[in-house]
Amino acid sequence: SFVKMFADFGGELPAITVFVINASEWTQSYWLLVILFLILFGAG
């Protein structure tokens, strides 16, 4: 919800913000795989 606001204002984002945004995008794309991995790991 904050990513679009930061994009509208432009400017260079701090490194910590870039890292968290990348982590957020990765989590949105692969969260199901993460859950599946944890289940398989526990079962294994």
All heavy atoms as atom14 arrays in JSON, in Angstrom:
{
  "sequence": "SFVKMFADFGGELPAITVFVINASEWTQSYWLLVILFLILFGAG",
  "atom14_mask": [
    [1, 1, 1, 1, 1, 1, 0, 0, 0, 0, 0, 0, 0, 0],
    [1, 1, 1, 1, 1, 1, 1, 1, 1, 1, 1, 0, 0, 0],
    [1, 1, 1, 1, 1, 1, 1, 0, 0, 0, 0, 0, 0, 0],
    [1, 1, 1, 1, 1, 1, 1, 1, 1, 0, 0, 0, 0, 0],
    [1, 1, 1, 1, 1, 1, 1, 1, 0, 0, 0, 0, 0, 0],
    [1, 1, 1, 1, 1, 1, 1, 1, 1, 1, 1, 0, 0, 0],
    [1, 1, 1, 1, 1, 0, 0, 0, 0, 0, 0, 0, 0, 0],
    [1, 1, 1, 1, 1, 1, 1, 1, 0, 0, 0, 0, 0, 0],
    [1, 1, 1, 1, 1, 1, 1, 1, 1, 1, 1, 0, 0, 0],
    [1, 1, 1, 1, 0, 0, 0, 0, 0, 0, 0, 0, 0, 0],
    [1, 1, 1, 1, 0, 0, 0, 0, 0, 0, 0, 0, 0, 0],
    [1, 1, 1, 1, 1, 1, 1, 1, 1, 0, 0, 0, 0, 0],
    [1, 1, 1, 1, 1, 1, 1, 1, 0, 0, 0, 0, 0, 0],
    [1, 1, 1, 1, 1, 1, 1, 0, 0, 0, 0, 0, 0, 0],
    [1, 1, 1, 1, 1, 0, 0, 0, 0, 0, 0, 0, 0, 0],
    [1, 1, 1, 1, 1, 1, 1, 1, 0, 0, 0, 0, 0, 0],
    [1, 1, 1, 1, 1, 1, 1, 0, 0, 0, 0, 0, 0, 0],
    [1, 1, 1, 1, 1, 1, 1, 0, 0, 0, 0, 0, 0, 0],
    [1, 1, 1, 1, 1, 1, 1, 1, 1, 1, 1, 0, 0, 0],
    [1, 1, 1, 1, 1, 1, 1, 0, 0, 0, 0, 0, 0, 0],
    [1, 1, 1, 1, 1, 1, 1, 1, 0, 0, 0, 0, 0, 0],
    [1, 1, 1, 1, 1, 1, 1, 1, 0, 0, 0, 0, 0, 0],
    [1, 1, 1, 1, 1, 0, 0, 0, 0, 0, 0, 0, 0, 0],
    [1, 1, 1, 1, 1, 1, 0, 0, 0, 0, 0, 0, 0, 0],
    [1, 1, 1, 1, 1, 1, 1, 1, 1, 0, 0, 0, 0, 0],
    [1, 1, 1, 1, 1, 1, 1, 1, 1, 1, 1, 1, 1, 1],
    [1, 1, 1, 1, 1, 1, 1, 0, 0, 0, 0, 0, 0, 0],
    [1, 1, 1, 1, 1, 1, 1, 1, 1, 0, 0, 0, 0, 0],
    [1, 1, 1, 1, 1, 1, 0, 0, 0, 0, 0, 0, 0, 0],
    [1, 1, 1, 1, 1, 1, 1, 1, 1, 1, 1, 1, 0, 0],
    [1, 1, 1, 1, 1, 1, 1, 1, 1, 1, 1, 1, 1, 1],
    [1, 1, 1, 1, 1, 1, 1, 1, 0, 0, 0, 0, 0, 0],
    [1, 1, 1, 1, 1, 1, 1, 1, 0, 0, 0, 0, 0, 0],
    [1, 1, 1, 1, 1, 1, 1, 0, 0, 0, 0, 0, 0, 0],
    [1, 1, 1, 1, 1, 1, 1, 1, 0, 0, 0, 0, 0, 0],
    [1, 1, 1, 1, 1, 1, 1, 1, 0, 0, 0, 0, 0, 0],
    [1, 1, 1, 1, 1, 1, 1, 1, 1, 1, 1, 0, 0, 0],
    [1, 1, 1, 1, 1, 1, 1, 1, 0, 0, 0, 0, 0, 0],
    [1, 1, 1, 1, 1, 1, 1, 1, 0, 0, 0, 0, 0, 0],
    [1, 1, 1, 1, 1, 1, 1, 1, 0, 0, 0, 0, 0, 0],
    [1, 1, 1, 1, 1, 1, 1, 1, 1, 1, 1, 0, 0, 0],
    [1, 1, 1, 1, 0, 0, 0, 0, 0, 0, 0, 0, 0, 0],
    [1, 1, 1, 1, 1, 0, 0, 0, 0, 0, 0, 0, 0, 0],
    [1, 1, 1, 1, 0, 0, 0, 0, 0, 0, 0, 0, 0, 0]
  ],
  "atom14_positions": [
    [[0.82, -1.22, 0.0], [0.0, 0.0, 0.0], [0.86, 1.27, 0.0], [0.4, 2.34, -0.39], [-0.95, 0.0, 1.21], [-0.21, -0.02, 2.42], [0.0, 0.0, 0.0], [0.0, 0.0, 0.0], [0.0, 0.0, 0.0], [0.0, 0.0, 0.0], [0.0, 0.0, 0.0], [0.0, 0.0, 0.0], [0.0, 0.0, 0.0], [0.0, 0.0, 0.0]],
    [[2.11, 1.14, 0.46], [2.99, 2.31, 0.47], [3.85, 2.4, -0.79], [4.4, 3.46, -1.08], [3.93, 2.26, 1.7], [3.22, 2.51, 3.0], [2.69, 1.45, 3.73], [3.08, 3.8, 3.49], [2.04, 1.68, 4.92], [2.44, 4.03, 4.69], [1.9, 2.97, 5.41], [0.0, 0.0, 0.0], [0.0, 0.0, 0.0], [0.0, 0.0, 0.0]],
    [[3.98, 1.29, -1.51], [4.86, 1.28, -2.68], [4.39, 2.27, -3.73], [5.2, 3.03, -4.29], [4.93, -0.15, -3.27], [5.69, -0.14, -4.6], [5.63, -1.1, -2.29], [0.0, 0.0, 0.0], [0.0, 0.0, 0.0], [0.0, 0.0, 0.0], [0.0, 0.0, 0.0], [0.0, 0.0, 0.0], [0.0, 0.0, 0.0], [0.0, 0.0, 0.0]],
    [[3.08, 2.28, -4.01], [2.54, 3.19, -5.03], [2.75, 4.65, -4.62], [3.08, 5.5, -5.44], [1.05, 2.91, -5.24], [0.43, 3.69, -6.4], [-1.01, 3.26, -6.62], [-1.61, 3.96, -7.83], [-1.52, 5.44, -7.76], [0.0, 0.0, 0.0], [0.0, 0.0, 0.0], [0.0, 0.0, 0.0], [0.0, 0.0, 0.0], [0.0, 0.0, 0.0]],
    [[2.58, 4.93, -3.32], [2.76, 6.31, -2.84], [4.21, 6.75, -3.03], [4.47, 7.88, -3.49], [2.39, 6.38, -1.36], [2.51, 7.8, -0.78], [2.0, 7.87, 0.94], [3.31, 6.88, 1.68], [0.0, 0.0, 0.0], [0.0, 0.0, 0.0], [0.0, 0.0, 0.0], [0.0, 0.0, 0.0], [0.0, 0.0, 0.0], [0.0, 0.0, 0.0]],
    [[5.16, 5.86, -2.73], [6.57, 6.2, -2.91], [6.88, 6.42, -4.39], [7.65, 7.31, -4.75], [7.46, 5.08, -2.36], [7.36, 4.89, -0.87], [7.62, 3.65, -0.29], [7.01, 5.95, -0.04], [7.55, 3.47, 1.07], [6.92, 5.78, 1.33], [7.18, 4.54, 1.9], [0.0, 0.0, 0.0], [0.0, 0.0, 0.0], [0.0, 0.0, 0.0]],
    [[6.26, 5.63, -5.25], [6.49, 5.75, -6.69], [5.95, 7.08, -7.22], [6.56, 7.71, -8.1], [5.85, 4.59, -7.42], [0.0, 0.0, 0.0], [0.0, 0.0, 0.0], [0.0, 0.0, 0.0], [0.0, 0.0, 0.0], [0.0, 0.0, 0.0], [0.0, 0.0, 0.0], [0.0, 0.0, 0.0], [0.0, 0.0, 0.0], [0.0, 0.0, 0.0]],
    [[4.79, 7.52, -6.69], [4.18, 8.78, -7.14], [5.04, 9.98, -6.79], [5.15, 10.94, -7.56], [2.79, 8.95, -6.52], [1.79, 7.93, -7.07], [2.06, 7.39, -8.16], [0.76, 7.67, -6.4], [0.0, 0.0, 0.0], [0.0, 0.0, 0.0], [0.0, 0.0, 0.0], [0.0, 0.0, 0.0], [0.0, 0.0, 0.0], [0.0, 0.0, 0.0]],
    [[5.68, 9.92, -5.62], [6.51, 11.05, -5.2], [7.88, 11.03, -5.86], [8.58, 12.04, -5.9], [6.67, 11.05, -3.67], [5.5, 11.66, -2.96], [4.47, 10.87, -2.48], [5.43, 13.04, -2.78], [3.39, 11.43, -1.82], [4.34, 13.61, -2.13], [3.32, 12.8, -1.64], [0.0, 0.0, 0.0], [0.0, 0.0, 0.0], [0.0, 0.0, 0.0]],
    [[8.27, 9.86, -6.37], [9.55, 9.74, -7.05], [10.71, 9.88, -6.09], [10.56, 9.8, -4.86], [0.0, 0.0, 0.0], [0.0, 0.0, 0.0], [0.0, 0.0, 0.0], [0.0, 0.0, 0.0], [0.0, 0.0, 0.0], [0.0, 0.0, 0.0], [0.0, 0.0, 0.0], [0.0, 0.0, 0.0], [0.0, 0.0, 0.0], [0.0, 0.0, 0.0]],
    [[11.88, 10.12, -6.62], [13.06, 10.26, -5.79], [13.7, 8.92, -5.51], [13.13, 7.86, -5.77], [0.0, 0.0, 0.0], [0.0, 0.0, 0.0], [0.0, 0.0, 0.0], [0.0, 0.0, 0.0], [0.0, 0.0, 0.0], [0.0, 0.0, 0.0], [0.0, 0.0, 0.0], [0.0, 0.0, 0.0], [0.0, 0.0, 0.0], [0.0, 0.0, 0.0]],
    [[14.88, 8.98, -4.98], [15.62, 7.76, -4.69], [15.26, 7.25, -3.3], [15.28, 8.0, -2.32], [17.13, 8.03, -4.78], [17.97, 6.76, -4.63], [19.44, 7.04, -4.8], [19.79, 8.15, -5.23], [20.25, 6.14, -4.49], [0.0, 0.0, 0.0], [0.0, 0.0, 0.0], [0.0, 0.0, 0.0], [0.0, 0.0, 0.0], [0.0, 0.0, 0.0]],
    [[14.89, 5.99, -3.22], [14.49, 5.39, -1.95], [15.71, 4.88, -1.19], [16.7, 4.45, -1.8], [13.54, 4.21, -2.19], [12.17, 4.56, -2.8], [11.4, 3.29, -3.13], [11.36, 5.44, -1.84], [0.0, 0.0, 0.0], [0.0, 0.0, 0.0], [0.0, 0.0, 0.0], [0.0, 0.0, 0.0], [0.0, 0.0, 0.0], [0.0, 0.0, 0.0]],
    [[15.66, 4.91, 0.15], [16.78, 4.37, 0.95], [16.97, 2.87, 0.68], [16.03, 2.17, 0.27], [16.32, 4.61, 2.39], [15.27, 5.65, 2.31], [14.6, 5.49, 0.98], [0.0, 0.0, 0.0], [0.0, 0.0, 0.0], [0.0, 0.0, 0.0], [0.0, 0.0, 0.0], [0.0, 0.0, 0.0], [0.0, 0.0, 0.0], [0.0, 0.0, 0.0]],
    [[18.18, 2.4, 0.92], [18.51, 0.99, 0.65], [17.6, 0.04, 1.44], [17.17, -1.0, 0.92], [19.98, 0.73, 0.99], [0.0, 0.0, 0.0], [0.0, 0.0, 0.0], [0.0, 0.0, 0.0], [0.0, 0.0, 0.0], [0.0, 0.0, 0.0], [0.0, 0.0, 0.0], [0.0, 0.0, 0.0], [0.0, 0.0, 0.0], [0.0, 0.0, 0.0]],
    [[17.3, 0.4, 2.7], [16.46, -0.48, 3.53], [15.05, -0.61, 2.96], [14.44, -1.67, 3.0], [16.42, 0.04, 5.0], [15.72, -0.99, 5.9], [15.73, 1.39, 5.09], [15.81, -0.65, 7.37], [0.0, 0.0, 0.0], [0.0, 0.0, 0.0], [0.0, 0.0, 0.0], [0.0, 0.0, 0.0], [0.0, 0.0, 0.0], [0.0, 0.0, 0.0]],
    [[14.55, 0.49, 2.38], [13.21, 0.47, 1.78], [13.2, -0.37, 0.52], [12.26, -1.15, 0.28], [12.74, 1.91, 1.46], [12.83, 2.7, 2.65], [11.31, 1.92, 0.97], [0.0, 0.0, 0.0], [0.0, 0.0, 0.0], [0.0, 0.0, 0.0], [0.0, 0.0, 0.0], [0.0, 0.0, 0.0], [0.0, 0.0, 0.0], [0.0, 0.0, 0.0]],
    [[14.23, -0.24, -0.3], [14.34, -1.03, -1.53], [14.37, -2.52, -1.18], [13.71, -3.35, -1.81], [15.59, -0.64, -2.33], [15.78, -1.58, -3.52], [15.48, 0.8, -2.81], [0.0, 0.0, 0.0], [0.0, 0.0, 0.0], [0.0, 0.0, 0.0], [0.0, 0.0, 0.0], [0.0, 0.0, 0.0], [0.0, 0.0, 0.0], [0.0, 0.0, 0.0]],
    [[15.14, -2.85, -0.13], [15.25, -4.24, 0.29], [13.88, -4.79, 0.73], [13.49, -5.9, 0.33], [16.25, -4.35, 1.45], [16.28, -5.7, 2.09], [16.93, -6.76, 1.48], [15.63, -5.93, 3.31], [16.96, -8.02, 2.08], [15.64, -7.18, 3.9], [16.31, -8.23, 3.29], [0.0, 0.0, 0.0], [0.0, 0.0, 0.0], [0.0, 0.0, 0.0]],
    [[13.15, -4.02, 1.53], [11.84, -4.48, 2.03], [10.84, -4.59, 0.88], [10.03, -5.53, 0.85], [11.33, -3.53, 3.14], [9.88, -3.84, 3.49], [12.21, -3.65, 4.38], [0.0, 0.0, 0.0], [0.0, 0.0, 0.0], [0.0, 0.0, 0.0], [0.0, 0.0, 0.0], [0.0, 0.0, 0.0], [0.0, 0.0, 0.0], [0.0, 0.0, 0.0]],
    [[10.87, -3.65, -0.06], [9.95, -3.7, -1.22], [10.23, -4.94, -2.05], [9.31, -5.65, -2.48], [10.07, -2.42, -2.07], [9.48, -1.22, -1.29], [9.37, -2.59, -3.41], [9.68, 0.11, -1.98], [0.0, 0.0, 0.0], [0.0, 0.0, 0.0], [0.0, 0.0, 0.0], [0.0, 0.0, 0.0], [0.0, 0.0, 0.0], [0.0, 0.0, 0.0]],
    [[11.5, -5.24, -2.28], [11.87, -6.45, -3.03], [11.4, -7.71, -2.3], [10.91, -8.66, -2.91], [13.38, -6.51, -3.26], [13.85, -5.45, -4.24], [13.07, -4.99, -5.09], [15.11, -5.06, -4.15], [0.0, 0.0, 0.0], [0.0, 0.0, 0.0], [0.0, 0.0, 0.0], [0.0, 0.0, 0.0], [0.0, 0.0, 0.0], [0.0, 0.0, 0.0]],
    [[11.59, -7.69, -0.98], [11.13, -8.83, -0.17], [9.62, -8.98, -0.24], [9.09, -10.1, -0.31], [11.58, -8.65, 1.28], [0.0, 0.0, 0.0], [0.0, 0.0, 0.0], [0.0, 0.0, 0.0], [0.0, 0.0, 0.0], [0.0, 0.0, 0.0], [0.0, 0.0, 0.0], [0.0, 0.0, 0.0], [0.0, 0.0, 0.0], [0.0, 0.0, 0.0]],
    [[8.92, -7.85, -0.25], [7.46, -7.88, -0.35], [7.01, -8.46, -1.68], [6.1, -9.3, -1.74], [6.9, -6.47, -0.17], [5.51, -6.44, -0.41], [0.0, 0.0, 0.0], [0.0, 0.0, 0.0], [0.0, 0.0, 0.0], [0.0, 0.0, 0.0], [0.0, 0.0, 0.0], [0.0, 0.0, 0.0], [0.0, 0.0, 0.0], [0.0, 0.0, 0.0]],
    [[7.64, -8.02, -2.77], [7.27, -8.53, -4.1], [7.56, -10.03, -4.21], [6.77, -10.78, -4.78], [8.05, -7.75, -5.17], [7.61, -6.3, -5.29], [8.49, -5.51, -6.23], [9.56, -6.04, -6.65], [8.14, -4.35, -6.55], [0.0, 0.0, 0.0], [0.0, 0.0, 0.0], [0.0, 0.0, 0.0], [0.0, 0.0, 0.0], [0.0, 0.0, 0.0]],
    [[8.7, -10.45, -3.64], [9.05, -11.88, -3.68], [8.04, -12.7, -2.87], [7.62, -13.77, -3.31], [10.46, -12.07, -3.12], [10.98, -13.47, -3.28], [11.69, -13.95, -4.33], [10.8, -14.55, -2.36], [11.98, -15.29, -4.12], [11.44, -15.69, -2.93], [10.17, -14.69, -1.13], [11.46, -16.92, -2.29], [10.18, -15.93, -0.5], [10.82, -17.02, -1.08]],
    [[7.67, -12.2, -1.71], [6.72, -12.92, -0.84], [5.36, -13.04, -1.51], [4.72, -14.1, -1.43], [6.58, -12.2, 0.51], [7.88, -12.06, 1.12], [5.68, -12.99, 1.46], [0.0, 0.0, 0.0], [0.0, 0.0, 0.0], [0.0, 0.0, 0.0], [0.0, 0.0, 0.0], [0.0, 0.0, 0.0], [0.0, 0.0, 0.0], [0.0, 0.0, 0.0]],
    [[4.9, -11.95, -2.17], [3.6, -12.0, -2.86], [3.61, -13.03, -3.99], [2.58, -13.65, -4.27], [3.27, -10.61, -3.42], [2.96, -9.58, -2.34], [2.73, -8.21, -2.95], [1.72, -7.96, -3.6], [3.69, -7.3, -2.75], [0.0, 0.0, 0.0], [0.0, 0.0, 0.0], [0.0, 0.0, 0.0], [0.0, 0.0, 0.0], [0.0, 0.0, 0.0]],
    [[4.76, -13.21, -4.62], [4.85, -14.15, -5.74], [5.02, -15.59, -5.3], [4.5, -16.51, -5.94], [6.02, -13.76, -6.65], [5.87, -12.44, -7.13], [0.0, 0.0, 0.0], [0.0, 0.0, 0.0], [0.0, 0.0, 0.0], [0.0, 0.0, 0.0], [0.0, 0.0, 0.0], [0.0, 0.0, 0.0], [0.0, 0.0, 0.0], [0.0, 0.0, 0.0]],
    [[5.71, -15.8, -4.18], [6.1, -17.18, -3.82], [5.64, -17.64, -2.43], [6.13, -18.64, -1.92], [7.64, -17.3, -3.89], [8.22, -17.01, -5.24], [8.89, -15.81, -5.48], [8.08, -17.9, -6.29], [9.42, -15.53, -6.73], [8.61, -17.63, -7.55], [9.28, -16.44, -7.76], [9.81, -16.16, -9.0], [0.0, 0.0, 0.0], [0.0, 0.0, 0.0]],
    [[4.67, -16.94, -1.81], [4.29, -17.31, -0.45], [3.7, -18.72, -0.38], [3.89, -19.44, 0.6], [3.32, -16.28, 0.14], [1.97, -16.22, -0.53], [1.64, -15.48, -1.61], [0.8, -16.91, -0.12], [0.33, -15.67, -1.94], [-0.23, -16.55, -1.03], [0.5, -17.81, 0.9], [-1.52, -17.06, -0.93], [-0.79, -18.31, 1.01], [-1.78, -17.93, 0.09]],
    [[3.01, -19.12, -1.44], [2.47, -20.48, -1.44], [3.58, -21.53, -1.47], [3.49, -22.58, -0.81], [1.54, -20.68, -2.64], [0.1, -20.16, -2.48], [-0.65, -20.28, -3.79], [-0.63, -20.93, -1.38], [0.0, 0.0, 0.0], [0.0, 0.0, 0.0], [0.0, 0.0, 0.0], [0.0, 0.0, 0.0], [0.0, 0.0, 0.0], [0.0, 0.0, 0.0]],
    [[4.64, -21.23, -2.23], [5.78, -22.15, -2.29], [6.47, -22.25, -0.93], [6.93, -23.33, -0.54], [6.78, -21.69, -3.35], [6.34, -21.86, -4.82], [7.4, -21.31, -5.75], [6.11, -23.35, -5.11], [0.0, 0.0, 0.0], [0.0, 0.0, 0.0], [0.0, 0.0, 0.0], [0.0, 0.0, 0.0], [0.0, 0.0, 0.0], [0.0, 0.0, 0.0]],
    [[6.54, -21.11, -0.23], [7.17, -21.11, 1.1], [6.38, -22.0, 2.06], [6.95, -22.81, 2.8], [7.26, -19.67, 1.65], [7.74, -19.69, 3.1], [8.21, -18.84, 0.79], [0.0, 0.0, 0.0], [0.0, 0.0, 0.0], [0.0, 0.0, 0.0], [0.0, 0.0, 0.0], [0.0, 0.0, 0.0], [0.0, 0.0, 0.0], [0.0, 0.0, 0.0]],
    [[5.05, -21.85, 2.04], [4.2, -22.67, 2.91], [4.34, -24.15, 2.55], [4.46, -25.01, 3.43], [2.73, -22.22, 2.8], [2.57, -20.83, 3.4], [1.79, -23.22, 3.5], [1.2, -20.23, 3.23], [0.0, 0.0, 0.0], [0.0, 0.0, 0.0], [0.0, 0.0, 0.0], [0.0, 0.0, 0.0], [0.0, 0.0, 0.0], [0.0, 0.0, 0.0]],
    [[4.34, -24.44, 1.24], [4.5, -25.81, 0.79], [5.85, -26.38, 1.22], [5.93, -27.54, 1.67], [4.37, -25.87, -0.74], [4.48, -27.27, -1.37], [3.35, -28.17, -0.87], [4.43, -27.17, -2.9], [0.0, 0.0, 0.0], [0.0, 0.0, 0.0], [0.0, 0.0, 0.0], [0.0, 0.0, 0.0], [0.0, 0.0, 0.0], [0.0, 0.0, 0.0]],
    [[6.9, -25.57, 1.13], [8.23, -26.01, 1.56], [8.26, -26.34, 3.04], [8.82, -27.35, 3.46], [9.27, -24.93, 1.24], [10.62, -25.19, 1.85], [11.49, -26.11, 1.28], [11.02, -24.53, 3.02], [12.73, -26.37, 1.85], [12.25, -24.79, 3.59], [13.11, -25.71, 3.0], [0.0, 0.0, 0.0], [0.0, 0.0, 0.0], [0.0, 0.0, 0.0]],
    [[7.63, -25.49, 3.87], [7.61, -25.71, 5.32], [6.85, -26.99, 5.66], [7.28, -27.77, 6.53], [6.98, -24.51, 6.03], [7.79, -23.21, 5.99], [6.99, -22.07, 6.61], [9.12, -23.38, 6.73], [0.0, 0.0, 0.0], [0.0, 0.0, 0.0], [0.0, 0.0, 0.0], [0.0, 0.0, 0.0], [0.0, 0.0, 0.0], [0.0, 0.0, 0.0]],
    [[5.73, -27.22, 4.96], [4.95, -28.45, 5.19], [5.76, -29.68, 4.81], [5.82, -30.67, 5.55], [3.62, -28.4, 4.41], [2.72, -27.3, 4.98], [2.91, -29.75, 4.47], [1.47, -27.04, 4.16], [0.0, 0.0, 0.0], [0.0, 0.0, 0.0], [0.0, 0.0, 0.0], [0.0, 0.0, 0.0], [0.0, 0.0, 0.0], [0.0, 0.0, 0.0]],
    [[6.39, -29.62, 3.62], [7.19, -30.75, 3.16], [8.4, -30.99, 4.06], [8.78, -32.13, 4.33], [7.66, -30.51, 1.71], [6.57, -30.54, 0.64], [7.15, -30.16, -0.71], [5.95, -31.93, 0.57], [0.0, 0.0, 0.0], [0.0, 0.0, 0.0], [0.0, 0.0, 0.0], [0.0, 0.0, 0.0], [0.0, 0.0, 0.0], [0.0, 0.0, 0.0]],
    [[8.98, -29.89, 4.55], [10.13, -30.01, 5.45], [9.73, -30.71, 6.75], [10.41, -31.62, 7.22], [10.7, -28.63, 5.75], [11.87, -28.66, 6.7], [13.13, -29.01, 6.26], [11.7, -28.33, 8.05], [14.21, -29.04, 7.13], [12.77, -28.36, 8.93], [14.03, -28.72, 8.47], [0.0, 0.0, 0.0], [0.0, 0.0, 0.0], [0.0, 0.0, 0.0]],
    [[8.59, -30.29, 7.33], [8.09, -30.91, 8.55], [7.76, -32.37, 8.35], [8.11, -33.23, 9.17], [0.0, 0.0, 0.0], [0.0, 0.0, 0.0], [0.0, 0.0, 0.0], [0.0, 0.0, 0.0], [0.0, 0.0, 0.0], [0.0, 0.0, 0.0], [0.0, 0.0, 0.0], [0.0, 0.0, 0.0], [0.0, 0.0, 0.0], [0.0, 0.0, 0.0]],
    [[7.08, -32.68, 7.23], [6.73, -34.07, 6.93], [7.98, -34.91, 6.69], [8.07, -36.06, 7.12], [5.82, -34.12, 5.71], [0.0, 0.0, 0.0], [0.0, 0.0, 0.0], [0.0, 0.0, 0.0], [0.0, 0.0, 0.0], [0.0, 0.0, 0.0], [0.0, 0.0, 0.0], [0.0, 0.0, 0.0], [0.0, 0.0, 0.0], [0.0, 0.0, 0.0]],
    [[8.96, -34.31, 5.99], [10.2, -35.02, 5.71], [10.96, -35.36, 6.98], [11.47, -36.47, 7.14], [0.0, 0.0, 0.0], [0.0, 0.0, 0.0], [0.0, 0.0, 0.0], [0.0, 0.0, 0.0], [0.0, 0.0, 0.0], [0.0, 0.0, 0.0], [0.0, 0.0, 0.0], [0.0, 0.0, 0.0], [0.0, 0.0, 0.0], [0.0, 0.0, 0.0]]
  ]
}
